[in-house]
């Protein structure tokens, strides 16, 4: 009984790292909500230092810091924060995925691919990481691998529109635009409010020389994103090879 009381008092002591980490988390969240991002980052990084004896708390803090860096376009700092998060918690699929996204923004595609693969190995149901694998294969010009990833993703998640659109883009890039059209249409049917789906569909139609349908896609796009529609109209107006 005396031992239990002693432990309870110690846990509530002002200098307790966990309690201080909880306080700083509230400070960071408030700062972030007020768009004081530097203050939020400083608080999260301080948590990682004082709570290093509690790996999950420290890992979560650095993951949050990384997310702020990502949102502000500081991709190198984001990658470093995610690496620190993984040093505390190597089994975090989210940190692996986010590291991959930061590396992708830095155009370090091969390393990014490894991070996405590790994220999927840690959590096979992590749709975002699996999708990011396909995107990265595309960026590496490995279209067959991208196509494989997207087809498996569609098989496992038939209501995920990005997988259909991305597969369609990969097929078009591989010279199979006619095959791509059905996947563009499926993506649009699942999410008719995503402007990129109409833009990508129009490009596939143009690759087939079908200007009429490309213009129809441009008209639909104009309702959602006028600037993108103007850009697409310029592409349509160019002589097709």
Protein backbone atom coordinates (compact mmCIF):
# COMPACT_ATOMS: atom_id res chain seq x y z
CA UNK A 1 0.00 0.00 0.00
CA UNK A 2 2.83 2.39 0.93
CA UNK A 3 4.66 1.50 -2.32
CA UNK A 4 1.56 2.19 -4.40
CA UNK A 5 1.09 5.57 -2.72
CA UNK A 6 4.72 6.47 -3.35
CA UNK A 7 4.40 5.63 -7.05
CA UNK A 8 1.21 7.70 -7.30
CA UNK A 9 2.84 10.74 -5.73
CA UNK A 10 5.88 10.40 -8.00
CA UNK A 11 3.67 10.27 -11.07
CA UNK A 12 2.01 13.53 -10.00
CA UNK A 13 5.21 15.35 -9.18
CA UNK A 14 5.71 18.64 -11.04
CA UNK A 15 8.99 17.40 -12.49
CA UNK A 16 7.48 14.22 -13.91
CA UNK A 17 8.43 14.01 -17.62
CA UNK A 18 5.12 12.48 -18.67
CA UNK A 19 3.07 15.20 -17.00
CA UNK A 20 5.30 17.88 -18.47
CA UNK A 21 4.98 16.25 -21.89
CA UNK A 22 1.20 16.34 -21.54
CA UNK A 23 1.33 20.03 -20.62
CA UNK A 24 3.59 20.83 -23.56
CA UNK A 25 1.32 18.87 -25.87
CA UNK A 26 -1.53 21.19 -24.93
CA UNK A 27 0.78 24.16 -25.47
CA UNK A 28 1.76 22.84 -28.92
CA UNK A 29 -1.83 22.13 -29.93
CA UNK A 30 -2.93 25.61 -28.89
CA UNK A 31 -0.02 27.21 -30.75
CA UNK A 32 -0.81 25.18 -33.86
CA UNK A 33 -4.47 26.14 -33.72
CA UNK A 34 -3.39 29.79 -33.56
CA UNK A 35 -1.03 29.33 -36.52
CA UNK A 36 2.02 29.86 -34.31
CA UNK A 37 3.81 27.01 -35.98
CA UNK A 38 7.33 27.74 -34.74
CA UNK A 39 6.10 27.71 -31.14
CA UNK A 40 4.30 24.44 -31.78
CA UNK A 41 7.40 22.84 -33.29
CA UNK A 42 9.54 24.02 -30.38
CA UNK A 43 7.09 22.50 -27.91
CA UNK A 44 6.97 19.17 -29.74
CA UNK A 45 10.76 19.00 -30.01
CA UNK A 46 11.06 19.77 -26.29
CA UNK A 47 8.67 16.91 -25.54
CA UNK A 48 10.93 14.53 -27.46
CA UNK A 49 13.85 15.58 -25.27
CA UNK A 50 12.19 15.41 -21.85
CA UNK A 51 10.12 12.29 -22.62
CA UNK A 52 12.82 10.22 -24.26
CA UNK A 53 12.23 7.63 -21.55
CA UNK A 54 8.69 7.23 -22.93
CA UNK A 55 9.36 6.33 -26.58
CA UNK A 56 5.77 6.49 -27.80
CA UNK A 57 5.24 9.98 -26.41
CA UNK A 58 8.52 11.19 -27.90
CA UNK A 59 7.75 9.51 -31.23
CA UNK A 60 4.31 11.12 -31.43
CA UNK A 61 5.80 14.54 -30.67
CA UNK A 62 8.35 14.29 -33.49
CA UNK A 63 5.68 12.95 -35.84
CA UNK A 64 3.60 16.05 -35.11
CA UNK A 65 6.61 18.32 -35.60
CA UNK A 66 7.28 16.62 -38.93
CA UNK A 67 3.71 17.19 -40.03
CA UNK A 68 4.01 20.92 -39.36
CA UNK A 69 7.27 21.07 -41.28
CA UNK A 70 5.57 19.26 -44.18
CA UNK A 71 2.60 21.62 -44.19
CA UNK A 72 4.96 24.60 -44.41
CA UNK A 73 7.00 23.10 -47.24
CA UNK A 74 10.15 22.44 -45.21
CA UNK A 75 10.60 18.93 -46.47
CA UNK A 76 14.19 18.31 -45.34
CA UNK A 77 13.29 19.28 -41.76
CA UNK A 78 10.17 17.13 -42.02
CA UNK A 79 12.20 14.12 -43.13
CA UNK A 80 14.59 14.62 -40.23
CA UNK A 81 11.71 14.86 -37.74
CA UNK A 82 10.15 11.64 -39.07
CA UNK A 83 13.49 9.87 -38.80
CA UNK A 84 13.72 10.95 -35.18
CA UNK A 85 10.19 9.72 -34.61
CA UNK A 86 11.14 6.34 -36.07
CA UNK A 87 14.20 6.20 -33.83
CA UNK A 88 11.78 6.21 -30.89
CA UNK A 89 9.18 3.96 -32.51
CA UNK A 90 10.48 1.90 -35.46
CA UNK A 91 7.11 0.17 -35.82
CA UNK A 92 5.16 3.29 -36.78
CA UNK A 93 3.68 2.80 -40.25
CA UNK A 94 2.46 6.40 -40.24
CA UNK A 95 5.94 7.81 -39.60
CA UNK A 96 7.37 5.58 -42.34
CA UNK A 97 4.73 6.74 -44.80
CA UNK A 98 5.21 10.39 -43.90
CA UNK A 99 8.96 10.01 -44.23
CA UNK A 100 8.37 8.63 -47.71
CA UNK A 101 6.20 11.62 -48.60
CA UNK A 102 8.87 14.07 -47.41
CA UNK A 103 11.57 12.24 -49.35
CA UNK A 104 9.33 12.22 -52.40
CA UNK A 105 9.01 15.99 -52.20
CA UNK A 106 12.82 16.09 -52.10
CA UNK A 107 12.81 13.91 -55.25
CA UNK A 108 14.62 11.11 -53.42
CA UNK A 109 12.25 8.61 -54.97
CA UNK A 110 14.19 5.38 -54.45
CA UNK A 111 14.62 6.05 -50.73
CA UNK A 112 11.00 7.18 -50.51
CA UNK A 113 9.87 3.93 -52.10
CA UNK A 114 11.71 1.99 -49.41
CA UNK A 115 9.89 3.97 -46.71
CA UNK A 116 6.50 3.26 -48.28
CA UNK A 117 7.35 -0.42 -48.61
CA UNK A 118 8.32 -0.53 -44.95
CA UNK A 119 5.06 1.21 -44.01
CA UNK A 120 3.08 -1.42 -45.92
CA UNK A 121 5.13 -4.20 -44.32
CA UNK A 122 4.19 -2.79 -40.91
CA UNK A 123 0.51 -2.34 -41.82
CA UNK A 124 -0.76 -4.06 -44.93
CA UNK A 125 -4.12 -2.28 -44.62
CA UNK A 126 -2.51 1.17 -44.84
CA UNK A 127 -4.16 2.36 -48.08
CA UNK A 128 -2.31 5.68 -48.24
CA UNK A 129 1.10 4.01 -48.11
CA UNK A 130 0.12 1.50 -50.77
CA UNK A 131 -1.14 4.29 -53.00
CA UNK A 132 2.08 6.23 -52.42
CA UNK A 133 4.06 3.19 -53.55
CA UNK A 134 2.25 3.31 -56.88
CA UNK A 135 2.85 7.05 -57.24
CA UNK A 136 6.55 6.58 -56.55
CA UNK A 137 6.91 3.76 -59.07
CA UNK A 138 5.27 6.13 -61.57
CA UNK A 139 7.77 8.87 -60.71
CA UNK A 140 10.60 6.40 -61.20
CA UNK A 141 9.21 5.52 -64.62
CA UNK A 142 8.49 1.94 -63.53
CA UNK A 143 5.01 1.88 -64.96
CA UNK A 144 4.49 -1.89 -64.81
CA UNK A 145 5.11 -1.86 -61.07
CA UNK A 146 2.83 1.17 -60.66
CA UNK A 147 0.10 -0.60 -62.60
CA UNK A 148 0.48 -3.71 -60.46
CA UNK A 149 0.18 -1.72 -57.21
CA UNK A 150 -2.91 0.14 -58.41
CA UNK A 151 -4.65 -3.02 -59.65
CA UNK A 152 -4.10 -4.75 -56.32
CA UNK A 153 -5.32 -1.64 -54.52
CA UNK A 154 -8.48 -1.60 -56.65
CA UNK A 155 -9.02 -5.28 -55.95
CA UNK A 156 -8.74 -4.74 -52.19
CA UNK A 157 -10.46 -1.34 -52.08
CA UNK A 158 -12.90 -1.10 -55.00
CA UNK A 159 -14.35 2.20 -53.73
CA UNK A 160 -11.03 4.08 -53.71
CA UNK A 161 -11.27 6.51 -56.65
CA UNK A 162 -7.63 7.65 -56.67
CA UNK A 163 -6.51 4.12 -57.46
CA UNK A 164 -8.66 4.05 -60.62
CA UNK A 165 -7.50 7.46 -61.81
CA UNK A 166 -3.85 6.70 -61.09
CA UNK A 167 -4.10 3.38 -62.90
CA UNK A 168 -5.63 5.20 -65.87
CA UNK A 169 -2.76 7.70 -65.91
CA UNK A 170 -0.20 4.88 -65.73
CA UNK A 171 -1.89 3.09 -68.61
CA UNK A 172 -1.92 6.25 -70.73
CA UNK A 173 1.75 6.86 -70.03
CA UNK A 174 2.39 3.31 -71.18
CA UNK A 175 0.66 3.98 -74.51
CA UNK A 176 -2.60 2.32 -73.51
CA UNK A 177 -4.89 5.36 -73.38
CA UNK A 178 -7.85 3.48 -74.83
CA UNK A 179 -7.70 1.00 -71.97
CA UNK A 180 -7.36 3.89 -69.52
CA UNK A 181 -10.69 5.55 -70.36
CA UNK A 182 -12.85 3.09 -68.42
CA UNK A 183 -10.75 3.65 -65.30
CA UNK A 184 -11.01 7.42 -65.65
CA UNK A 185 -14.78 7.07 -65.90
CA UNK A 186 -14.89 4.84 -62.84
CA UNK A 187 -12.87 7.35 -60.80
CA UNK A 188 -15.23 10.16 -61.82
CA UNK A 189 -18.29 8.07 -60.99
CA UNK A 190 -16.90 7.44 -57.49
CA UNK A 191 -15.94 11.08 -56.91
CA UNK A 192 -17.40 13.50 -59.47
CA UNK A 193 -16.10 16.52 -57.53
CA UNK A 194 -12.37 15.87 -57.96
CA UNK A 195 -11.09 18.27 -60.66
CA UNK A 196 -7.95 16.25 -61.37
CA UNK A 197 -10.01 13.31 -62.62
CA UNK A 198 -11.50 15.37 -65.46
CA UNK A 199 -8.13 16.87 -66.33
CA UNK A 200 -6.43 13.47 -66.49
CA UNK A 201 -9.31 11.97 -68.44
CA UNK A 202 -9.09 14.76 -71.02
CA UNK A 203 -5.38 14.09 -71.49
CA UNK A 204 -6.09 10.44 -72.20
CA UNK A 205 -8.75 11.42 -74.75
CA UNK A 206 -6.26 13.76 -76.41
CA UNK A 207 -3.75 10.94 -76.64
CA UNK A 208 -6.42 9.08 -78.61
CA UNK A 209 -7.04 12.11 -80.79
CA UNK A 210 -10.55 12.46 -79.37
CA UNK A 211 -10.80 16.24 -79.03
CA UNK A 212 -14.60 16.18 -78.67
CA UNK A 213 -14.53 14.15 -75.46
CA UNK A 214 -11.51 16.08 -74.18
CA UNK A 215 -13.52 19.29 -74.51
CA UNK A 216 -16.44 17.73 -72.69
CA UNK A 217 -14.10 16.92 -69.81
CA UNK A 218 -12.82 20.51 -69.92
CA UNK A 219 -16.39 21.82 -69.63
CA UNK A 220 -17.00 19.67 -66.56
CA UNK A 221 -13.69 20.78 -65.08
CA UNK A 222 -14.65 24.45 -65.56
CA UNK A 223 -17.46 23.98 -63.03
CA UNK A 224 -15.00 22.81 -60.37
CA UNK A 225 -11.69 24.53 -61.09
CA UNK A 226 -11.79 27.35 -63.67
CA UNK A 227 -8.02 27.90 -63.61
CA UNK A 228 -7.29 24.25 -64.29
CA UNK A 229 -9.93 24.31 -67.02
CA UNK A 230 -8.17 27.25 -68.68
CA UNK A 231 -4.88 25.38 -68.55
CA UNK A 232 -6.54 22.33 -70.06
CA UNK A 233 -8.16 24.46 -72.77
CA UNK A 234 -4.70 25.69 -73.76
CA UNK A 235 -3.47 22.11 -74.05
CA UNK A 236 -6.50 21.11 -76.12
CA UNK A 237 -5.96 24.07 -78.45
CA UNK A 238 -2.42 22.94 -79.30
CA UNK A 239 -2.04 20.88 -82.48
CA UNK A 240 -2.09 17.22 -81.54
CA UNK A 241 0.79 15.06 -82.76
